[in-house]
All heavy atoms as atom14 arrays in JSON, in Angstrom:
{
  "sequence": "AVIFTALGPGVSNYGLMLAMVLVGAAIGTVVARRVEMTQMPQLVAAL",
  "atom14_mask": [
    [1, 1, 1, 1, 1, 0, 0, 0, 0, 0, 0, 0, 0, 0],
    [1, 1, 1, 1, 1, 1, 1, 0, 0, 0, 0, 0, 0, 0],
    [1, 1, 1, 1, 1, 1, 1, 1, 0, 0, 0, 0, 0, 0],
    [1, 1, 1, 1, 1, 1, 1, 1, 1, 1, 1, 0, 0, 0],
    [1, 1, 1, 1, 1, 1, 1, 0, 0, 0, 0, 0, 0, 0],
    [1, 1, 1, 1, 1, 0, 0, 0, 0, 0, 0, 0, 0, 0],
    [1, 1, 1, 1, 1, 1, 1, 1, 0, 0, 0, 0, 0, 0],
    [1, 1, 1, 1, 0, 0, 0, 0, 0, 0, 0, 0, 0, 0],
    [1, 1, 1, 1, 1, 1, 1, 0, 0, 0, 0, 0, 0, 0],
    [1, 1, 1, 1, 0, 0, 0, 0, 0, 0, 0, 0, 0, 0],
    [1, 1, 1, 1, 1, 1, 1, 0, 0, 0, 0, 0, 0, 0],
    [1, 1, 1, 1, 1, 1, 0, 0, 0, 0, 0, 0, 0, 0],
    [1, 1, 1, 1, 1, 1, 1, 1, 0, 0, 0, 0, 0, 0],
    [1, 1, 1, 1, 1, 1, 1, 1, 1, 1, 1, 1, 0, 0],
    [1, 1, 1, 1, 0, 0, 0, 0, 0, 0, 0, 0, 0, 0],
    [1, 1, 1, 1, 1, 1, 1, 1, 0, 0, 0, 0, 0, 0],
    [1, 1, 1, 1, 1, 1, 1, 1, 0, 0, 0, 0, 0, 0],
    [1, 1, 1, 1, 1, 1, 1, 1, 0, 0, 0, 0, 0, 0],
    [1, 1, 1, 1, 1, 0, 0, 0, 0, 0, 0, 0, 0, 0],
    [1, 1, 1, 1, 1, 1, 1, 1, 0, 0, 0, 0, 0, 0],
    [1, 1, 1, 1, 1, 1, 1, 0, 0, 0, 0, 0, 0, 0],
    [1, 1, 1, 1, 1, 1, 1, 1, 0, 0, 0, 0, 0, 0],
    [1, 1, 1, 1, 1, 1, 1, 0, 0, 0, 0, 0, 0, 0],
    [1, 1, 1, 1, 0, 0, 0, 0, 0, 0, 0, 0, 0, 0],
    [1, 1, 1, 1, 1, 0, 0, 0, 0, 0, 0, 0, 0, 0],
    [1, 1, 1, 1, 1, 0, 0, 0, 0, 0, 0, 0, 0, 0],
    [1, 1, 1, 1, 1, 1, 1, 1, 0, 0, 0, 0, 0, 0],
    [1, 1, 1, 1, 0, 0, 0, 0, 0, 0, 0, 0, 0, 0],
    [1, 1, 1, 1, 1, 1, 1, 0, 0, 0, 0, 0, 0, 0],
    [1, 1, 1, 1, 1, 1, 1, 0, 0, 0, 0, 0, 0, 0],
    [1, 1, 1, 1, 1, 1, 1, 0, 0, 0, 0, 0, 0, 0],
    [1, 1, 1, 1, 1, 0, 0, 0, 0, 0, 0, 0, 0, 0],
    [1, 1, 1, 1, 1, 1, 1, 1, 1, 1, 1, 0, 0, 0],
    [1, 1, 1, 1, 1, 1, 1, 1, 1, 1, 1, 0, 0, 0],
    [1, 1, 1, 1, 1, 1, 1, 0, 0, 0, 0, 0, 0, 0],
    [1, 1, 1, 1, 1, 1, 1, 1, 1, 0, 0, 0, 0, 0],
    [1, 1, 1, 1, 1, 1, 1, 1, 0, 0, 0, 0, 0, 0],
    [1, 1, 1, 1, 1, 1, 1, 0, 0, 0, 0, 0, 0, 0],
    [1, 1, 1, 1, 1, 1, 1, 1, 1, 0, 0, 0, 0, 0],
    [1, 1, 1, 1, 1, 1, 1, 1, 0, 0, 0, 0, 0, 0],
    [1, 1, 1, 1, 1, 1, 1, 0, 0, 0, 0, 0, 0, 0],
    [1, 1, 1, 1, 1, 1, 1, 1, 1, 0, 0, 0, 0, 0],
    [1, 1, 1, 1, 1, 1, 1, 1, 0, 0, 0, 0, 0, 0],
    [1, 1, 1, 1, 1, 1, 1, 0, 0, 0, 0, 0, 0, 0],
    [1, 1, 1, 1, 1, 0, 0, 0, 0, 0, 0, 0, 0, 0],
    [1, 1, 1, 1, 1, 0, 0, 0, 0, 0, 0, 0, 0, 0],
    [1, 1, 1, 1, 1, 1, 1, 1, 0, 0, 0, 0, 0, 0]
  ],
  "atom14_positions": [
    [[16.73, 8.76, -5.57], [17.75, 7.87, -5.05], [17.72, 6.33, -5.52], [18.62, 5.82, -6.0], [17.79, 7.85, -3.54], [0.0, 0.0, 0.0], [0.0, 0.0, 0.0], [0.0, 0.0, 0.0], [0.0, 0.0, 0.0], [0.0, 0.0, 0.0], [0.0, 0.0, 0.0], [0.0, 0.0, 0.0], [0.0, 0.0, 0.0], [0.0, 0.0, 0.0]],
    [[16.54, 5.87, -5.37], [16.29, 4.4, -5.78], [16.5, 4.24, -7.35], [17.26, 3.22, -7.66], [14.91, 3.95, -5.3], [14.63, 2.54, -5.78], [14.77, 3.97, -3.77], [0.0, 0.0, 0.0], [0.0, 0.0, 0.0], [0.0, 0.0, 0.0], [0.0, 0.0, 0.0], [0.0, 0.0, 0.0], [0.0, 0.0, 0.0], [0.0, 0.0, 0.0]],
    [[15.79, 5.08, -8.11], [15.83, 4.85, -9.45], [17.26, 4.97, -9.98], [17.8, 4.07, -10.79], [14.87, 5.89, -10.26], [13.45, 5.54, -9.81], [15.09, 5.85, -11.74], [12.44, 6.56, -10.29], [0.0, 0.0, 0.0], [0.0, 0.0, 0.0], [0.0, 0.0, 0.0], [0.0, 0.0, 0.0], [0.0, 0.0, 0.0], [0.0, 0.0, 0.0]],
    [[17.98, 6.01, -9.66], [19.22, 6.36, -10.29], [20.4, 5.43, -9.77], [21.37, 5.05, -10.39], [19.67, 7.76, -10.1], [19.01, 8.74, -11.06], [17.78, 9.2, -10.87], [19.71, 9.01, -12.3], [17.07, 10.13, -11.89], [19.06, 9.8, -13.2], [17.75, 10.29, -13.01], [0.0, 0.0, 0.0], [0.0, 0.0, 0.0], [0.0, 0.0, 0.0]],
    [[20.08, 4.87, -8.49], [21.04, 3.9, -7.97], [20.85, 2.49, -8.6], [21.87, 1.76, -8.98], [20.92, 3.81, -6.39], [21.11, 5.05, -5.76], [21.9, 2.69, -5.87], [0.0, 0.0, 0.0], [0.0, 0.0, 0.0], [0.0, 0.0, 0.0], [0.0, 0.0, 0.0], [0.0, 0.0, 0.0], [0.0, 0.0, 0.0], [0.0, 0.0, 0.0]],
    [[19.61, 2.14, -8.8], [19.31, 0.89, -9.37], [19.76, 0.66, -10.92], [20.12, -0.33, -11.35], [17.85, 0.56, -9.25], [0.0, 0.0, 0.0], [0.0, 0.0, 0.0], [0.0, 0.0, 0.0], [0.0, 0.0, 0.0], [0.0, 0.0, 0.0], [0.0, 0.0, 0.0], [0.0, 0.0, 0.0], [0.0, 0.0, 0.0], [0.0, 0.0, 0.0]],
    [[19.65, 1.84, -11.61], [20.0, 1.99, -12.9], [21.34, 2.57, -13.3], [21.55, 2.9, -14.41], [18.84, 2.83, -13.76], [17.46, 2.1, -13.55], [16.42, 2.97, -14.45], [17.5, 0.68, -14.11], [0.0, 0.0, 0.0], [0.0, 0.0, 0.0], [0.0, 0.0, 0.0], [0.0, 0.0, 0.0], [0.0, 0.0, 0.0], [0.0, 0.0, 0.0]],
    [[22.06, 2.66, -12.23], [23.6, 3.3, -12.32], [24.41, 2.33, -12.95], [24.17, 1.04, -13.11], [0.0, 0.0, 0.0], [0.0, 0.0, 0.0], [0.0, 0.0, 0.0], [0.0, 0.0, 0.0], [0.0, 0.0, 0.0], [0.0, 0.0, 0.0], [0.0, 0.0, 0.0], [0.0, 0.0, 0.0], [0.0, 0.0, 0.0], [0.0, 0.0, 0.0]],
    [[25.67, 2.73, -13.25], [26.71, 1.83, -13.82], [27.18, 0.75, -12.83], [27.13, 0.8, -11.46], [27.93, 2.71, -14.01], [27.69, 3.76, -12.98], [26.28, 4.04, -12.97], [0.0, 0.0, 0.0], [0.0, 0.0, 0.0], [0.0, 0.0, 0.0], [0.0, 0.0, 0.0], [0.0, 0.0, 0.0], [0.0, 0.0, 0.0], [0.0, 0.0, 0.0]],
    [[27.46, -0.53, -13.32], [27.99, -1.65, -12.5], [26.9, -2.41, -11.86], [27.25, -3.26, -11.05], [0.0, 0.0, 0.0], [0.0, 0.0, 0.0], [0.0, 0.0, 0.0], [0.0, 0.0, 0.0], [0.0, 0.0, 0.0], [0.0, 0.0, 0.0], [0.0, 0.0, 0.0], [0.0, 0.0, 0.0], [0.0, 0.0, 0.0], [0.0, 0.0, 0.0]],
    [[25.62, -2.19, -12.14], [24.54, -2.84, -11.43], [23.89, -3.92, -12.37], [23.7, -3.65, -13.6], [23.4, -1.83, -10.95], [22.25, -2.6, -10.31], [23.97, -0.81, -10.08], [0.0, 0.0, 0.0], [0.0, 0.0, 0.0], [0.0, 0.0, 0.0], [0.0, 0.0, 0.0], [0.0, 0.0, 0.0], [0.0, 0.0, 0.0], [0.0, 0.0, 0.0]],
    [[23.65, -5.04, -12.01], [23.01, -6.1, -12.66], [22.06, -6.74, -11.85], [21.46, -6.37, -10.91], [24.18, -7.09, -13.24], [24.75, -7.64, -12.14], [0.0, 0.0, 0.0], [0.0, 0.0, 0.0], [0.0, 0.0, 0.0], [0.0, 0.0, 0.0], [0.0, 0.0, 0.0], [0.0, 0.0, 0.0], [0.0, 0.0, 0.0], [0.0, 0.0, 0.0]],
    [[21.47, -7.98, -12.39], [20.5, -8.81, -11.7], [19.18, -8.0, -11.51], [18.62, -7.97, -10.37], [20.97, -9.37, -10.28], [21.74, -10.63, -10.46], [21.53, -11.43, -11.35], [22.66, -10.89, -9.61], [0.0, 0.0, 0.0], [0.0, 0.0, 0.0], [0.0, 0.0, 0.0], [0.0, 0.0, 0.0], [0.0, 0.0, 0.0], [0.0, 0.0, 0.0]],
    [[18.84, -7.41, -12.5], [17.6, -6.48, -12.45], [16.31, -7.22, -12.09], [15.46, -6.73, -11.33], [17.46, -5.73, -13.76], [18.38, -4.63, -14.09], [19.35, -4.86, -15.03], [18.5, -3.58, -13.23], [20.32, -3.93, -15.28], [19.55, -2.6, -13.42], [20.38, -2.81, -14.48], [21.34, -1.9, -14.66], [0.0, 0.0, 0.0], [0.0, 0.0, 0.0]],
    [[16.25, -8.46, -12.59], [15.04, -9.32, -12.21], [14.91, -9.61, -10.8], [13.92, -9.46, -10.17], [0.0, 0.0, 0.0], [0.0, 0.0, 0.0], [0.0, 0.0, 0.0], [0.0, 0.0, 0.0], [0.0, 0.0, 0.0], [0.0, 0.0, 0.0], [0.0, 0.0, 0.0], [0.0, 0.0, 0.0], [0.0, 0.0, 0.0], [0.0, 0.0, 0.0]],
    [[16.14, -9.97, -10.11], [16.1, -10.32, -8.66], [15.84, -8.96, -7.99], [15.1, -9.0, -6.93], [17.41, -10.93, -8.33], [17.67, -11.17, -6.93], [16.54, -12.26, -6.39], [19.06, -11.76, -6.58], [0.0, 0.0, 0.0], [0.0, 0.0, 0.0], [0.0, 0.0, 0.0], [0.0, 0.0, 0.0], [0.0, 0.0, 0.0], [0.0, 0.0, 0.0]],
    [[16.44, -7.93, -8.33], [16.3, -6.59, -7.67], [14.79, -6.22, -7.66], [14.23, -5.72, -6.69], [17.2, -5.59, -8.32], [17.21, -4.28, -7.49], [17.95, -2.89, -8.53], [19.32, -3.69, -9.08], [0.0, 0.0, 0.0], [0.0, 0.0, 0.0], [0.0, 0.0, 0.0], [0.0, 0.0, 0.0], [0.0, 0.0, 0.0], [0.0, 0.0, 0.0]],
    [[14.13, -6.18, -8.93], [12.73, -5.9, -9.02], [11.96, -6.65, -8.19], [11.0, -6.27, -7.61], [12.39, -6.01, -10.49], [10.91, -5.45, -10.82], [10.84, -4.08, -10.45], [10.71, -5.8, -12.33], [0.0, 0.0, 0.0], [0.0, 0.0, 0.0], [0.0, 0.0, 0.0], [0.0, 0.0, 0.0], [0.0, 0.0, 0.0], [0.0, 0.0, 0.0]],
    [[12.17, -8.04, -8.11], [11.4, -8.86, -7.3], [11.42, -8.44, -5.89], [10.47, -8.45, -5.08], [11.78, -10.4, -7.43], [0.0, 0.0, 0.0], [0.0, 0.0, 0.0], [0.0, 0.0, 0.0], [0.0, 0.0, 0.0], [0.0, 0.0, 0.0], [0.0, 0.0, 0.0], [0.0, 0.0, 0.0], [0.0, 0.0, 0.0], [0.0, 0.0, 0.0]],
    [[12.82, -8.21, -5.25], [12.87, -7.78, -4.08], [12.13, -6.42, -3.75], [11.52, -6.27, -2.62], [14.43, -7.62, -3.65], [15.17, -8.94, -3.74], [14.66, -9.95, -2.23], [15.9, -11.33, -2.42], [0.0, 0.0, 0.0], [0.0, 0.0, 0.0], [0.0, 0.0, 0.0], [0.0, 0.0, 0.0], [0.0, 0.0, 0.0], [0.0, 0.0, 0.0]],
    [[12.28, -5.6, -4.62], [11.58, -4.18, -4.45], [10.06, -4.35, -4.35], [9.42, -3.75, -3.45], [12.0, -3.27, -5.57], [11.06, -1.9, -5.55], [13.44, -2.79, -5.51], [0.0, 0.0, 0.0], [0.0, 0.0, 0.0], [0.0, 0.0, 0.0], [0.0, 0.0, 0.0], [0.0, 0.0, 0.0], [0.0, 0.0, 0.0], [0.0, 0.0, 0.0]],
    [[9.46, -5.17, -5.14], [8.05, -5.4, -5.2], [7.61, -6.12, -3.81], [6.62, -5.73, -3.21], [7.67, -6.35, -6.39], [7.71, -5.53, -7.77], [7.44, -6.5, -8.98], [6.96, -4.39, -7.86], [0.0, 0.0, 0.0], [0.0, 0.0, 0.0], [0.0, 0.0, 0.0], [0.0, 0.0, 0.0], [0.0, 0.0, 0.0], [0.0, 0.0, 0.0]],
    [[8.37, -7.16, -3.45], [8.03, -7.79, -2.12], [8.1, -6.73, -1.0], [7.26, -6.69, -0.23], [8.96, -8.97, -1.97], [8.82, -9.49, -0.62], [8.74, -10.15, -2.94], [0.0, 0.0, 0.0], [0.0, 0.0, 0.0], [0.0, 0.0, 0.0], [0.0, 0.0, 0.0], [0.0, 0.0, 0.0], [0.0, 0.0, 0.0], [0.0, 0.0, 0.0]],
    [[9.18, -6.05, -0.99], [9.34, -5.08, 0.1], [8.39, -4.01, 0.12], [7.72, -3.67, 1.14], [0.0, 0.0, 0.0], [0.0, 0.0, 0.0], [0.0, 0.0, 0.0], [0.0, 0.0, 0.0], [0.0, 0.0, 0.0], [0.0, 0.0, 0.0], [0.0, 0.0, 0.0], [0.0, 0.0, 0.0], [0.0, 0.0, 0.0], [0.0, 0.0, 0.0]],
    [[7.94, -3.47, -1.19], [6.86, -2.46, -1.26], [5.58, -3.06, -0.83], [4.71, -2.39, -0.15], [6.86, -2.02, -2.8], [0.0, 0.0, 0.0], [0.0, 0.0, 0.0], [0.0, 0.0, 0.0], [0.0, 0.0, 0.0], [0.0, 0.0, 0.0], [0.0, 0.0, 0.0], [0.0, 0.0, 0.0], [0.0, 0.0, 0.0], [0.0, 0.0, 0.0]],
    [[5.3, -4.29, -1.21], [3.94, -4.95, -0.71], [3.83, -5.03, 0.78], [2.9, -4.67, 1.35], [3.9, -6.31, -1.44], [0.0, 0.0, 0.0], [0.0, 0.0, 0.0], [0.0, 0.0, 0.0], [0.0, 0.0, 0.0], [0.0, 0.0, 0.0], [0.0, 0.0, 0.0], [0.0, 0.0, 0.0], [0.0, 0.0, 0.0], [0.0, 0.0, 0.0]],
    [[5.04, -5.54, 1.34], [4.94, -5.64, 2.82], [4.79, -4.22, 3.48], [4.1, -4.05, 4.46], [6.32, -6.43, 3.26], [6.46, -7.78, 2.8], [6.49, -6.3, 4.77], [7.68, -8.47, 3.15], [0.0, 0.0, 0.0], [0.0, 0.0, 0.0], [0.0, 0.0, 0.0], [0.0, 0.0, 0.0], [0.0, 0.0, 0.0], [0.0, 0.0, 0.0]],
    [[5.59, -3.22, 2.95], [5.49, -1.91, 3.61], [4.12, -1.39, 3.45], [3.6, -0.74, 4.37], [0.0, 0.0, 0.0], [0.0, 0.0, 0.0], [0.0, 0.0, 0.0], [0.0, 0.0, 0.0], [0.0, 0.0, 0.0], [0.0, 0.0, 0.0], [0.0, 0.0, 0.0], [0.0, 0.0, 0.0], [0.0, 0.0, 0.0], [0.0, 0.0, 0.0]],
    [[3.46, -1.52, 2.35], [2.02, -1.07, 2.15], [1.1, -1.66, 3.12], [0.32, -0.96, 3.78], [1.73, -1.35, 0.74], [2.47, -0.7, -0.23], [0.27, -0.71, 0.47], [0.0, 0.0, 0.0], [0.0, 0.0, 0.0], [0.0, 0.0, 0.0], [0.0, 0.0, 0.0], [0.0, 0.0, 0.0], [0.0, 0.0, 0.0], [0.0, 0.0, 0.0]],
    [[1.2, -2.98, 3.32], [0.33, -3.7, 4.11], [0.59, -3.21, 5.61], [-0.37, -2.96, 6.37], [0.51, -5.23, 4.2], [-0.27, -5.92, 5.26], [0.09, -5.73, 2.74], [0.0, 0.0, 0.0], [0.0, 0.0, 0.0], [0.0, 0.0, 0.0], [0.0, 0.0, 0.0], [0.0, 0.0, 0.0], [0.0, 0.0, 0.0], [0.0, 0.0, 0.0]],
    [[1.79, -3.2, 6.01], [2.2, -2.77, 7.36], [1.6, -1.27, 7.72], [0.95, -0.98, 8.65], [3.68, -2.79, 7.65], [4.07, -2.12, 8.95], [4.08, -4.21, 7.66], [0.0, 0.0, 0.0], [0.0, 0.0, 0.0], [0.0, 0.0, 0.0], [0.0, 0.0, 0.0], [0.0, 0.0, 0.0], [0.0, 0.0, 0.0], [0.0, 0.0, 0.0]],
    [[1.93, -0.37, 6.66], [1.54, 0.95, 6.85], [0.05, 1.21, 6.95], [-0.54, 2.05, 7.6], [1.96, 1.92, 5.65], [0.0, 0.0, 0.0], [0.0, 0.0, 0.0], [0.0, 0.0, 0.0], [0.0, 0.0, 0.0], [0.0, 0.0, 0.0], [0.0, 0.0, 0.0], [0.0, 0.0, 0.0], [0.0, 0.0, 0.0], [0.0, 0.0, 0.0]],
    [[-0.72, 0.36, 6.27], [-2.22, 0.47, 6.33], [-2.81, -0.16, 7.64], [-3.73, 0.32, 8.0], [-2.88, -0.38, 5.15], [-2.63, 0.39, 3.86], [-3.41, -0.26, 2.7], [-3.37, 0.5, 1.44], [-4.07, 1.5, 1.06], [-5.0, 1.8, 1.95], [-3.83, 2.02, -0.1], [0.0, 0.0, 0.0], [0.0, 0.0, 0.0], [0.0, 0.0, 0.0]],
    [[-2.02, -1.07, 8.21], [-2.62, -1.71, 9.47], [-2.24, -1.02, 10.79], [-2.83, -1.2, 11.73], [-2.06, -3.23, 9.36], [-2.71, -4.12, 8.43], [-2.08, -5.59, 8.73], [-2.76, -6.48, 7.75], [-2.5, -7.81, 7.57], [-1.58, -8.37, 8.43], [-3.03, -8.58, 6.74], [0.0, 0.0, 0.0], [0.0, 0.0, 0.0], [0.0, 0.0, 0.0]],
    [[-0.98, -0.36, 10.65], [-0.52, 0.31, 11.9], [-1.33, 1.59, 12.13], [-1.4, 2.51, 11.29], [1.0, 0.5, 11.71], [1.43, 1.43, 12.8], [1.95, -0.64, 11.54], [0.0, 0.0, 0.0], [0.0, 0.0, 0.0], [0.0, 0.0, 0.0], [0.0, 0.0, 0.0], [0.0, 0.0, 0.0], [0.0, 0.0, 0.0], [0.0, 0.0, 0.0]],
    [[-1.85, 1.68, 13.33], [-2.49, 2.85, 13.76], [-1.47, 3.85, 14.21], [-0.33, 3.67, 14.4], [-3.35, 2.46, 15.07], [-4.41, 1.38, 14.83], [-5.6, 2.07, 13.9], [-5.7, 3.15, 13.79], [-6.33, 1.11, 13.5], [0.0, 0.0, 0.0], [0.0, 0.0, 0.0], [0.0, 0.0, 0.0], [0.0, 0.0, 0.0], [0.0, 0.0, 0.0]],
    [[-1.82, 5.21, 14.31], [-1.01, 6.17, 14.65], [-0.49, 5.97, 15.99], [0.72, 6.43, 16.32], [-1.76, 7.6, 14.55], [-1.97, 8.15, 13.18], [-0.44, 8.13, 12.12], [0.54, 9.31, 13.11], [0.0, 0.0, 0.0], [0.0, 0.0, 0.0], [0.0, 0.0, 0.0], [0.0, 0.0, 0.0], [0.0, 0.0, 0.0], [0.0, 0.0, 0.0]],
    [[-1.22, 5.31, 16.77], [-0.68, 5.05, 18.31], [0.47, 4.11, 18.26], [1.15, 3.96, 19.21], [-1.91, 4.57, 19.11], [-2.46, 3.4, 18.44], [-2.93, 5.54, 19.37], [0.0, 0.0, 0.0], [0.0, 0.0, 0.0], [0.0, 0.0, 0.0], [0.0, 0.0, 0.0], [0.0, 0.0, 0.0], [0.0, 0.0, 0.0], [0.0, 0.0, 0.0]],
    [[0.55, 3.31, 17.21], [1.63, 2.26, 17.05], [2.83, 2.8, 16.31], [3.81, 2.1, 16.18], [1.08, 1.08, 16.48], [-0.11, 0.33, 17.15], [-0.81, -0.76, 16.42], [-1.12, -0.56, 15.2], [-1.07, -1.87, 17.15], [0.0, 0.0, 0.0], [0.0, 0.0, 0.0], [0.0, 0.0, 0.0], [0.0, 0.0, 0.0], [0.0, 0.0, 0.0]],
    [[2.74, 4.06, 15.86], [3.89, 4.5, 15.11], [5.2, 4.56, 15.82], [6.32, 4.25, 15.19], [3.44, 6.07, 14.71], [4.4, 6.46, 13.52], [4.19, 5.44, 12.13], [2.44, 5.6, 11.67], [0.0, 0.0, 0.0], [0.0, 0.0, 0.0], [0.0, 0.0, 0.0], [0.0, 0.0, 0.0], [0.0, 0.0, 0.0], [0.0, 0.0, 0.0]],
    [[5.42, 4.79, 17.0], [6.65, 4.72, 17.68], [7.45, 3.33, 17.68], [8.51, 3.26, 17.3], [6.4, 5.04, 19.31], [5.15, 5.83, 19.16], [4.38, 5.36, 18.06], [0.0, 0.0, 0.0], [0.0, 0.0, 0.0], [0.0, 0.0, 0.0], [0.0, 0.0, 0.0], [0.0, 0.0, 0.0], [0.0, 0.0, 0.0], [0.0, 0.0, 0.0]],
    [[6.52, 2.21, 17.87], [7.2, 0.9, 17.71], [7.53, 0.58, 16.35], [8.43, -0.04, 15.88], [6.25, -0.15, 18.33], [4.87, -0.16, 18.08], [4.01, 0.51, 19.1], [4.36, 1.57, 19.53], [2.95, -0.15, 19.59], [0.0, 0.0, 0.0], [0.0, 0.0, 0.0], [0.0, 0.0, 0.0], [0.0, 0.0, 0.0], [0.0, 0.0, 0.0]],
    [[6.78, 1.21, 15.35], [7.02, 0.96, 13.81], [8.31, 1.58, 13.52], [9.19, 1.05, 12.88], [5.87, 1.49, 13.02], [6.13, 1.41, 11.47], [6.3, -0.15, 10.99], [4.98, 2.05, 10.74], [0.0, 0.0, 0.0], [0.0, 0.0, 0.0], [0.0, 0.0, 0.0], [0.0, 0.0, 0.0], [0.0, 0.0, 0.0], [0.0, 0.0, 0.0]],
    [[8.48, 2.86, 14.02], [9.79, 3.53, 13.66], [11.03, 2.7, 14.27], [12.03, 2.61, 13.72], [9.8, 4.95, 14.33], [11.13, 5.53, 14.33], [8.69, 5.85, 13.71], [0.0, 0.0, 0.0], [0.0, 0.0, 0.0], [0.0, 0.0, 0.0], [0.0, 0.0, 0.0], [0.0, 0.0, 0.0], [0.0, 0.0, 0.0], [0.0, 0.0, 0.0]],
    [[10.78, 2.22, 15.56], [11.86, 1.42, 16.21], [12.14, 0.11, 15.42], [13.37, -0.24, 15.09], [11.4, 0.99, 17.59], [0.0, 0.0, 0.0], [0.0, 0.0, 0.0], [0.0, 0.0, 0.0], [0.0, 0.0, 0.0], [0.0, 0.0, 0.0], [0.0, 0.0, 0.0], [0.0, 0.0, 0.0], [0.0, 0.0, 0.0], [0.0, 0.0, 0.0]],
    [[11.08, -0.46, 14.84], [11.36, -1.7, 13.98], [12.06, -1.44, 12.71], [12.88, -2.2, 12.34], [9.89, -2.33, 13.71], [0.0, 0.0, 0.0], [0.0, 0.0, 0.0], [0.0, 0.0, 0.0], [0.0, 0.0, 0.0], [0.0, 0.0, 0.0], [0.0, 0.0, 0.0], [0.0, 0.0, 0.0], [0.0, 0.0, 0.0], [0.0, 0.0, 0.0]],
    [[11.76, -0.24, 12.11], [12.29, 0.19, 10.83], [13.75, 0.48, 11.0], [14.58, 0.17, 10.17], [11.58, 1.36, 10.24], [10.09, 1.1, 9.7], [9.56, 2.27, 9.24], [10.14, -0.07, 8.59], [0.0, 0.0, 0.0], [0.0, 0.0, 0.0], [0.0, 0.0, 0.0], [0.0, 0.0, 0.0], [0.0, 0.0, 0.0], [0.0, 0.0, 0.0]]
  ]
}
């Protein structure tokens, strides 16, 4: 979904998009590693 939407027709600003994706992925990775299974319900609510 992400790859074919990002590289589909009518899409531009790839540099800005890539930067946003990398920042979001980095934040998501850090959060996922820090959150315990006991905190999963509140993480789901936040998402």
